[in-house]
């Protein structure tokens, strides 16, 4: 083989190596773009199509009522003698104060004429109603765990009107079961994915699951993605959800 042929062979091999190495860049870029598009579709666009809204039968003013009862949620949302939670008060609880018209506001008139006078229960749309297969004990968290209502439900006591009830058009369940921020970016527990919030608190307190480093879904997804592109670059952690532990599902699902 002549010197020219050898030089051409070496040059061709170098170019082939460069082509092989340079091909990884577009693949990684395409993967990142596709991942970003999928996240936008799944976390932003799809929820807008999946959920619809309804208005509550009466626009309730929590702030006004809290001022009347001394800022005590338990006046209306109390525990029964057997420890079960009463949830939303029934009509007769409302009639302790509203047996007659109290003012002439539109909502007061609607309450009295449509429900009090007719002795008909108000068909409230329950934001946090769980599926039949789910068991949740308010007593275990409020009485035994000494948790405040706002920890999970937000500052409803400061609101002057009720927000729309959002529900899944396929299952019919309230959006509040999972929360608006399914990505886990919000620091407000009332807006985050409820399972993520539960797992985070239980892991930190060491209740039901081992205490360990806890990440939100975005952090976990980021680490998993980095490891797919550059293996062993970061150390992924597990245990960010109670489902990842043995028998964890049966804590709430009976």
C-alpha atoms as a PDB file:
ATOM      1  CA  UNK A   1       0.000   0.000   0.000  1.00  0.00           C
ATOM      2  CA  UNK A   2       1.409   3.385  -0.992  1.00  0.00           C
ATOM      3  CA  UNK A   3       1.942   6.220   1.462  1.00  0.00           C
ATOM      4  CA  UNK A   4      -0.944   8.151  -0.142  1.00  0.00           C
ATOM      5  CA  UNK A   5      -3.317   5.193   0.341  1.00  0.00           C
ATOM      6  CA  UNK A   6      -2.266   4.853   3.988  1.00  0.00           C
ATOM      7  CA  UNK A   7      -2.825   8.552   4.624  1.00  0.00           C
ATOM      8  CA  UNK A   8      -6.271   8.358   3.032  1.00  0.00           C
ATOM      9  CA  UNK A   9      -7.155   5.287   5.140  1.00  0.00           C
ATOM     10  CA  UNK A  10      -6.056   7.021   8.345  1.00  0.00           C
ATOM     11  CA  UNK A  11      -7.959  10.185   7.415  1.00  0.00           C
ATOM     12  CA  UNK A  12     -11.095   8.178   6.644  1.00  0.00           C
ATOM     13  CA  UNK A  13     -10.871   6.367   9.970  1.00  0.00           C
ATOM     14  CA  UNK A  14     -10.561   9.642  11.841  1.00  0.00           C
ATOM     15  CA  UNK A  15     -13.607  11.049  10.097  1.00  0.00           C
ATOM     16  CA  UNK A  16     -15.574   7.869  10.812  1.00  0.00           C
ATOM     17  CA  UNK A  17     -14.706   8.160  14.500  1.00  0.00           C
ATOM     18  CA  UNK A  18     -15.754  11.782  14.527  1.00  0.00           C
ATOM     19  CA  UNK A  19     -19.058  10.887  12.881  1.00  0.00           C
ATOM     20  CA  UNK A  20     -19.749   8.241  15.499  1.00  0.00           C
ATOM     21  CA  UNK A  21     -18.906  10.536  18.374  1.00  0.00           C
ATOM     22  CA  UNK A  22     -20.724  13.541  16.951  1.00  0.00           C
ATOM     23  CA  UNK A  23     -23.929  11.593  16.396  1.00  0.00           C
ATOM     24  CA  UNK A  24     -24.652  11.454  20.112  1.00  0.00           C
ATOM     25  CA  UNK A  25     -25.248  15.205  20.334  1.00  0.00           C
ATOM     26  CA  UNK A  26     -28.386  15.368  18.153  1.00  0.00           C
ATOM     27  CA  UNK A  27     -29.775  12.251  19.828  1.00  0.00           C
ATOM     28  CA  UNK A  28     -29.421  13.758  23.300  1.00  0.00           C
ATOM     29  CA  UNK A  29     -30.855  17.080  22.112  1.00  0.00           C
ATOM     30  CA  UNK A  30     -33.829  15.316  20.519  1.00  0.00           C
ATOM     31  CA  UNK A  31     -34.410  13.367  23.729  1.00  0.00           C
ATOM     32  CA  UNK A  32     -34.358  16.544  25.857  1.00  0.00           C
ATOM     33  CA  UNK A  33     -36.729  18.364  23.480  1.00  0.00           C
ATOM     34  CA  UNK A  34     -39.085  15.387  23.404  1.00  0.00           C
ATOM     35  CA  UNK A  35     -39.010  15.099  27.201  1.00  0.00           C
ATOM     36  CA  UNK A  36     -39.751  18.811  27.629  1.00  0.00           C
ATOM     37  CA  UNK A  37     -42.633  18.611  25.150  1.00  0.00           C
ATOM     38  CA  UNK A  38     -44.045  15.572  26.948  1.00  0.00           C
ATOM     39  CA  UNK A  39     -43.901  17.357  30.313  1.00  0.00           C
ATOM     40  CA  UNK A  40     -45.674  20.418  28.920  1.00  0.00           C
ATOM     41  CA  UNK A  41     -48.326  18.206  27.333  1.00  0.00           C
ATOM     42  CA  UNK A  42     -48.837  16.088  30.446  1.00  0.00           C
ATOM     43  CA  UNK A  43     -48.587  18.770  33.141  1.00  0.00           C
ATOM     44  CA  UNK A  44     -50.083  21.816  31.394  1.00  0.00           C
ATOM     45  CA  UNK A  45     -52.156  21.034  28.307  1.00  0.00           C
ATOM     46  CA  UNK A  46     -53.700  17.656  29.186  1.00  0.00           C
ATOM     47  CA  UNK A  47     -55.097  18.774  32.612  1.00  0.00           C
ATOM     48  CA  UNK A  48     -56.931  21.612  30.849  1.00  0.00           C
ATOM     49  CA  UNK A  49     -58.728  19.033  28.708  1.00  0.00           C
ATOM     50  CA  UNK A  50     -59.208  16.469  31.464  1.00  0.00           C
ATOM     51  CA  UNK A  51     -60.931  18.694  34.041  1.00  0.00           C
ATOM     52  CA  UNK A  52     -64.174  20.645  33.976  1.00  0.00           C
ATOM     53  CA  UNK A  53     -65.780  23.007  36.497  1.00  0.00           C
ATOM     54  CA  UNK A  54     -68.999  23.353  38.469  1.00  0.00           C
ATOM     55  CA  UNK A  55     -70.133  26.111  40.796  1.00  0.00           C
ATOM     56  CA  UNK A  56     -71.196  25.451  44.377  1.00  0.00           C
ATOM     57  CA  UNK A  57     -74.950  25.810  45.088  1.00  0.00           C
ATOM     58  CA  UNK A  58     -74.199  28.714  47.468  1.00  0.00           C
ATOM     59  CA  UNK A  59     -71.192  30.995  47.579  1.00  0.00           C
ATOM     60  CA  UNK A  60     -70.035  30.537  51.179  1.00  0.00           C
ATOM     61  CA  UNK A  61     -68.040  33.221  53.014  1.00  0.00           C
ATOM     62  CA  UNK A  62     -65.600  31.424  55.333  1.00  0.00           C
ATOM     63  CA  UNK A  63     -64.003  34.634  56.576  1.00  0.00           C
ATOM     64  CA  UNK A  64     -67.333  36.017  57.813  1.00  0.00           C
ATOM     65  CA  UNK A  65     -68.290  32.787  59.571  1.00  0.00           C
ATOM     66  CA  UNK A  66     -64.844  32.334  61.128  1.00  0.00           C
ATOM     67  CA  UNK A  67     -65.181  35.801  62.686  1.00  0.00           C
ATOM     68  CA  UNK A  68     -68.520  34.757  64.180  1.00  0.00           C
ATOM     69  CA  UNK A  69     -67.291  31.487  65.709  1.00  0.00           C
ATOM     70  CA  UNK A  70     -63.932  32.736  66.932  1.00  0.00           C
ATOM     71  CA  UNK A  71     -61.738  31.248  64.182  1.00  0.00           C
ATOM     72  CA  UNK A  72     -62.500  27.688  65.181  1.00  0.00           C
ATOM     73  CA  UNK A  73     -62.932  25.219  62.291  1.00  0.00           C
ATOM     74  CA  UNK A  74     -64.311  22.599  64.686  1.00  0.00           C
ATOM     75  CA  UNK A  75     -67.484  24.638  65.262  1.00  0.00           C
ATOM     76  CA  UNK A  76     -68.774  23.380  61.900  1.00  0.00           C
ATOM     77  CA  UNK A  77     -66.284  20.627  61.054  1.00  0.00           C
ATOM     78  CA  UNK A  78     -66.230  18.649  64.266  1.00  0.00           C
ATOM     79  CA  UNK A  79     -65.469  15.137  65.494  1.00  0.00           C
ATOM     80  CA  UNK A  80     -68.315  12.952  66.702  1.00  0.00           C
ATOM     81  CA  UNK A  81     -68.172  11.064  69.993  1.00  0.00           C
ATOM     82  CA  UNK A  82     -66.982   7.921  68.224  1.00  0.00           C
ATOM     83  CA  UNK A  83     -64.048   9.841  66.707  1.00  0.00           C
ATOM     84  CA  UNK A  84     -65.425   9.968  63.160  1.00  0.00           C
ATOM     85  CA  UNK A  85     -65.243  13.258  61.305  1.00  0.00           C
ATOM     86  CA  UNK A  86     -68.478  15.096  60.524  1.00  0.00           C
ATOM     87  CA  UNK A  87     -67.168  16.751  57.369  1.00  0.00           C
ATOM     88  CA  UNK A  88     -69.464  19.405  55.895  1.00  0.00           C
ATOM     89  CA  UNK A  89     -72.238  20.430  58.336  1.00  0.00           C
ATOM     90  CA  UNK A  90     -75.798  19.413  57.529  1.00  0.00           C
ATOM     91  CA  UNK A  91     -78.684  21.817  57.011  1.00  0.00           C
ATOM     92  CA  UNK A  92     -79.819  21.707  60.635  1.00  0.00           C
ATOM     93  CA  UNK A  93     -76.392  22.871  61.760  1.00  0.00           C
ATOM     94  CA  UNK A  94     -76.772  25.885  59.456  1.00  0.00           C
ATOM     95  CA  UNK A  95     -80.291  26.491  60.766  1.00  0.00           C
ATOM     96  CA  UNK A  96     -78.936  27.140  64.252  1.00  0.00           C
ATOM     97  CA  UNK A  97     -78.254  30.631  62.917  1.00  0.00           C
ATOM     98  CA  UNK A  98     -80.173  30.735  59.631  1.00  0.00           C
ATOM     99  CA  UNK A  99     -83.636  29.538  60.694  1.00  0.00           C
ATOM    100  CA  UNK A 100     -84.767  32.990  59.562  1.00  0.00           C
ATOM    101  CA  UNK A 101     -83.380  35.377  56.988  1.00  0.00           C
ATOM    102  CA  UNK A 102     -80.229  37.118  58.163  1.00  0.00           C
ATOM    103  CA  UNK A 103     -79.995  40.056  55.803  1.00  0.00           C
ATOM    104  CA  UNK A 104     -81.043  40.411  52.190  1.00  0.00           C
ATOM    105  CA  UNK A 105     -77.946  39.323  50.288  1.00  0.00           C
ATOM    106  CA  UNK A 106     -78.438  37.157  47.210  1.00  0.00           C
ATOM    107  CA  UNK A 107     -76.724  34.152  48.784  1.00  0.00           C
ATOM    108  CA  UNK A 108     -78.709  34.469  52.029  1.00  0.00           C
ATOM    109  CA  UNK A 109     -81.996  34.580  50.145  1.00  0.00           C
ATOM    110  CA  UNK A 110     -80.968  31.568  48.068  1.00  0.00           C
ATOM    111  CA  UNK A 111     -80.041  29.637  51.209  1.00  0.00           C
ATOM    112  CA  UNK A 112     -83.306  30.390  52.958  1.00  0.00           C
ATOM    113  CA  UNK A 113     -85.743  29.978  50.055  1.00  0.00           C
ATOM    114  CA  UNK A 114     -84.157  26.962  48.350  1.00  0.00           C
ATOM    115  CA  UNK A 115     -83.006  24.968  51.350  1.00  0.00           C
ATOM    116  CA  UNK A 116     -84.071  26.235  54.791  1.00  0.00           C
ATOM    117  CA  UNK A 117     -87.717  26.871  53.892  1.00  0.00           C
ATOM    118  CA  UNK A 118     -87.853  23.606  51.943  1.00  0.00           C
ATOM    119  CA  UNK A 119     -85.887  21.702  54.627  1.00  0.00           C
ATOM    120  CA  UNK A 120     -83.723  20.350  51.840  1.00  0.00           C
ATOM    121  CA  UNK A 121     -80.054  19.502  52.305  1.00  0.00           C
ATOM    122  CA  UNK A 122     -77.604  21.705  50.436  1.00  0.00           C
ATOM    123  CA  UNK A 123     -75.943  19.618  47.675  1.00  0.00           C
ATOM    124  CA  UNK A 124     -72.415  20.773  48.403  1.00  0.00           C
ATOM    125  CA  UNK A 125     -69.709  19.590  46.033  1.00  0.00           C
ATOM    126  CA  UNK A 126     -67.019  18.126  48.294  1.00  0.00           C
ATOM    127  CA  UNK A 127     -63.560  19.141  47.129  1.00  0.00           C
ATOM    128  CA  UNK A 128     -61.689  16.412  49.020  1.00  0.00           C
ATOM    129  CA  UNK A 129     -64.146  13.507  48.729  1.00  0.00           C
ATOM    130  CA  UNK A 130     -62.122  10.318  48.351  1.00  0.00           C
ATOM    131  CA  UNK A 131     -63.031   7.216  46.290  1.00  0.00           C
ATOM    132  CA  UNK A 132     -64.837   4.434  48.172  1.00  0.00           C
ATOM    133  CA  UNK A 133     -61.673   2.331  48.210  1.00  0.00           C
ATOM    134  CA  UNK A 134     -59.740   4.968  50.168  1.00  0.00           C
ATOM    135  CA  UNK A 135     -59.732   5.277  53.948  1.00  0.00           C
ATOM    136  CA  UNK A 136     -58.481   8.443  55.597  1.00  0.00           C
ATOM    137  CA  UNK A 137     -58.654   9.167  59.309  1.00  0.00           C
ATOM    138  CA  UNK A 138     -58.942  12.838  60.221  1.00  0.00           C
ATOM    139  CA  UNK A 139     -58.775  11.892  63.898  1.00  0.00           C
ATOM    140  CA  UNK A 140     -55.362  10.239  63.461  1.00  0.00           C
ATOM    141  CA  UNK A 141     -53.937  13.406  61.941  1.00  0.00           C
ATOM    142  CA  UNK A 142     -55.778  16.184  63.808  1.00  0.00           C
ATOM    143  CA  UNK A 143     -56.122  14.635  67.283  1.00  0.00           C
ATOM    144  CA  UNK A 144     -53.245  12.172  67.497  1.00  0.00           C
ATOM    145  CA  UNK A 145     -50.879  13.951  65.093  1.00  0.00           C
ATOM    146  CA  UNK A 146     -51.909  17.418  66.332  1.00  0.00           C
ATOM    147  CA  UNK A 147     -51.929  18.761  62.777  1.00  0.00           C
ATOM    148  CA  UNK A 148     -53.631  22.008  61.881  1.00  0.00           C
ATOM    149  CA  UNK A 149     -56.364  22.046  59.222  1.00  0.00           C
ATOM    150  CA  UNK A 150     -54.462  24.523  57.035  1.00  0.00           C
ATOM    151  CA  UNK A 151     -51.570  22.060  56.678  1.00  0.00           C
ATOM    152  CA  UNK A 152     -53.527  20.053  54.118  1.00  0.00           C
ATOM    153  CA  UNK A 153     -56.488  22.248  53.167  1.00  0.00           C
ATOM    154  CA  UNK A 154     -54.859  25.664  52.945  1.00  0.00           C
ATOM    155  CA  UNK A 155     -56.225  28.872  54.408  1.00  0.00           C
ATOM    156  CA  UNK A 156     -59.897  28.345  53.565  1.00  0.00           C
ATOM    157  CA  UNK A 157     -60.863  30.266  56.682  1.00  0.00           C
ATOM    158  CA  UNK A 158     -59.593  33.461  55.065  1.00  0.00           C
ATOM    159  CA  UNK A 159     -61.607  33.164  51.838  1.00  0.00           C
ATOM    160  CA  UNK A 160     -64.710  35.237  51.134  1.00  0.00           C
ATOM    161  CA  UNK A 161     -66.035  33.069  48.310  1.00  0.00           C
ATOM    162  CA  UNK A 162     -65.794  29.481  47.163  1.00  0.00           C
ATOM    163  CA  UNK A 163     -63.610  28.569  44.213  1.00  0.00           C
ATOM    164  CA  UNK A 164     -65.099  26.474  41.388  1.00  0.00           C
ATOM    165  CA  UNK A 165     -65.312  22.723  41.923  1.00  0.00           C
ATOM    166  CA  UNK A 166     -63.044  21.012  39.383  1.00  0.00           C
ATOM    167  CA  UNK A 167     -63.620  17.386  38.524  1.00  0.00           C
ATOM    168  CA  UNK A 168     -62.150  14.746  36.253  1.00  0.00           C
ATOM    169  CA  UNK A 169     -64.469  14.358  33.241  1.00  0.00           C
ATOM    170  CA  UNK A 170     -63.563  10.666  32.944  1.00  0.00           C
ATOM    171  CA  UNK A 171     -63.711   9.450  36.552  1.00  0.00           C
ATOM    172  CA  UNK A 172     -65.871  12.211  38.042  1.00  0.00           C
ATOM    173  CA  UNK A 173     -63.497  12.619  41.019  1.00  0.00           C
ATOM    174  CA  UNK A 174     -62.491  16.004  42.397  1.00  0.00           C
ATOM    175  CA  UNK A 175     -59.222  17.457  41.176  1.00  0.00           C
ATOM    176  CA  UNK A 176     -58.323  18.220  44.783  1.00  0.00           C
ATOM    177  CA  UNK A 177     -57.653  14.523  45.375  1.00  0.00           C
ATOM    178  CA  UNK A 178     -54.411  14.984  43.440  1.00  0.00           C
ATOM    179  CA  UNK A 179     -54.008  18.747  43.500  1.00  0.00           C
ATOM    180  CA  UNK A 180     -53.420  21.236  40.710  1.00  0.00           C
ATOM    181  CA  UNK A 181     -49.626  21.113  40.796  1.00  0.00           C
ATOM    182  CA  UNK A 182     -49.047  17.507  39.789  1.00  0.00           C
ATOM    183  CA  UNK A 183     -45.413  18.396  39.088  1.00  0.00           C
ATOM    184  CA  UNK A 184     -44.884  19.098  42.788  1.00  0.00           C
ATOM    185  CA  UNK A 185     -43.502  22.586  42.124  1.00  0.00           C
ATOM    186  CA  UNK A 186     -45.852  24.397  44.513  1.00  0.00           C
ATOM    187  CA  UNK A 187     -45.040  24.678  48.212  1.00  0.00           C
ATOM    188  CA  UNK A 188     -48.744  24.912  49.040  1.00  0.00           C
ATOM    189  CA  UNK A 189     -49.953  21.452  50.169  1.00  0.00           C
ATOM    190  CA  UNK A 190     -53.472  22.308  49.034  1.00  0.00           C
ATOM    191  CA  UNK A 191     -52.228  22.580  45.429  1.00  0.00           C
ATOM    192  CA  UNK A 192     -49.675  19.774  45.308  1.00  0.00           C
ATOM    193  CA  UNK A 193     -50.238  16.120  44.525  1.00  0.00           C
ATOM    194  CA  UNK A 194     -51.769  14.730  47.695  1.00  0.00           C
ATOM    195  CA  UNK A 195     -49.924  11.387  47.599  1.00  0.00           C
ATOM    196  CA  UNK A 196     -46.649  13.270  47.252  1.00  0.00           C
ATOM    197  CA  UNK A 197     -47.506  15.450  50.264  1.00  0.00           C
ATOM    198  CA  UNK A 198     -48.535  12.439  52.366  1.00  0.00           C
ATOM    199  CA  UNK A 199     -45.388  10.494  51.513  1.00  0.00           C
ATOM    200  CA  UNK A 200     -43.160  13.499  52.165  1.00  0.00           C
ATOM    201  CA  UNK A 201     -44.599  14.136  55.626  1.00  0.00           C
ATOM    202  CA  UNK A 202     -44.662  10.454  56.618  1.00  0.00           C
ATOM    203  CA  UNK A 203     -41.062   9.982  55.508  1.00  0.00           C
ATOM    204  CA  UNK A 204     -39.838  13.037  57.404  1.00  0.00           C
ATOM    205  CA  UNK A 205     -41.690  12.000  60.548  1.00  0.00           C
ATOM    206  CA  UNK A 206     -40.725   8.348  60.153  1.00  0.00           C
ATOM    207  CA  UNK A 207     -44.357   7.246  60.243  1.00  0.00           C
ATOM    208  CA  UNK A 208     -45.011   4.045  58.337  1.00  0.00           C
ATOM    209  CA  UNK A 209     -41.965   4.398  56.060  1.00  0.00           C
ATOM    210  CA  UNK A 210     -38.217   4.635  56.759  1.00  0.00           C
ATOM    211  CA  UNK A 211     -36.813   8.140  57.194  1.00  0.00           C
ATOM    212  CA  UNK A 212     -34.579   9.000  54.262  1.00  0.00           C
ATOM    213  CA  UNK A 213     -33.810  11.712  51.741  1.00  0.00           C
ATOM    214  CA  UNK A 214     -37.097  12.824  50.249  1.00  0.00           C
ATOM    215  CA  UNK A 215     -37.392  14.483  46.845  1.00  0.00           C
ATOM    216  CA  UNK A 216     -40.338  15.913  44.999  1.00  0.00           C
ATOM    217  CA  UNK A 217     -41.296  14.331  41.629  1.00  0.00           C
ATOM    218  CA  UNK A 218     -39.403  16.939  39.595  1.00  0.00           C
ATOM    219  CA  UNK A 219     -36.135  16.288  41.440  1.00  0.00           C
ATOM    220  CA  UNK A 220     -36.549  12.536  41.033  1.00  0.00           C
ATOM    221  CA  UNK A 221     -37.351  12.874  37.317  1.00  0.00           C
ATOM    222  CA  UNK A 222     -34.330  15.117  36.788  1.00  0.00           C
ATOM    223  CA  UNK A 223     -31.960  12.620  38.409  1.00  0.00           C
ATOM    224  CA  UNK A 224     -33.430   9.702  36.480  1.00  0.00           C
ATOM    225  CA  UNK A 225     -33.059  11.631  33.211  1.00  0.00           C
ATOM    226  CA  UNK A 226     -29.453  12.579  33.927  1.00  0.00           C
ATOM    227  CA  UNK A 227     -28.632   8.955  34.722  1.00  0.00           C
ATOM    228  CA  UNK A 228     -30.193   7.792  31.465  1.00  0.00           C
ATOM    229  CA  UNK A 229     -27.923  10.129  29.472  1.00  0.00           C
ATOM    230  CA  UNK A 230     -24.817  10.018  31.667  1.00  0.00           C
ATOM    231  CA  UNK A 231     -24.999   6.833  33.817  1.00  0.00           C
ATOM    232  CA  UNK A 232     -23.784   6.998  37.451  1.00  0.00           C
ATOM    233  CA  UNK A 233     -23.501  10.816  37.280  1.00  0.00           C
ATOM    234  CA  UNK A 234     -25.883  11.332  40.209  1.00  0.00           C
ATOM    235  CA  UNK A 235     -27.274   8.973  42.816  1.00  0.00           C
ATOM    236  CA  UNK A 236     -31.056   8.513  42.479  1.00  0.00           C
ATOM    237  CA  UNK A 237     -33.074   8.056  45.643  1.00  0.00           C
ATOM    238  CA  UNK A 238     -36.165   5.988  46.213  1.00  0.00           C
ATOM    239  CA  UNK A 239     -38.921   6.233  48.734  1.00  0.00           C
ATOM    240  CA  UNK A 240     -40.531   9.506  47.645  1.00  0.00           C
ATOM    241  CA  UNK A 241     -43.923   7.792  47.715  1.00  0.00           C
ATOM    242  CA  UNK A 242     -45.475   5.361  50.145  1.00  0.00           C
ATOM    243  CA  UNK A 243     -46.173   3.024  47.232  1.00  0.00           C
ATOM    244  CA  UNK A 244     -42.477   2.233  46.989  1.00  0.00           C
ATOM    245  CA  UNK A 245     -42.533   0.464  50.331  1.00  0.00           C
ATOM    246  CA  UNK A 246     -43.933  -2.956  51.073  1.00  0.00           C
ATOM    247  CA  UNK A 247     -47.612  -2.855  52.069  1.00  0.00           C
ATOM    248  CA  UNK A 248     -47.518   0.949  51.821  1.00  0.00           C
ATOM    249  CA  UNK A 249     -50.615   1.064  49.625  1.00  0.00           C
ATOM    250  CA  UNK A 250     -52.719  -0.614  52.292  1.00  0.00           C
ATOM    251  CA  UNK A 251     -52.201   2.247  54.714  1.00  0.00           C
ATOM    252  CA  UNK A 252     -54.949   4.159  52.926  1.00  0.00           C
ATOM    253  CA  UNK A 253     -56.424   1.696  50.436  1.00  0.00           C
ATOM    254  CA  UNK A 254     -58.612  -0.918  52.086  1.00  0.00           C
END
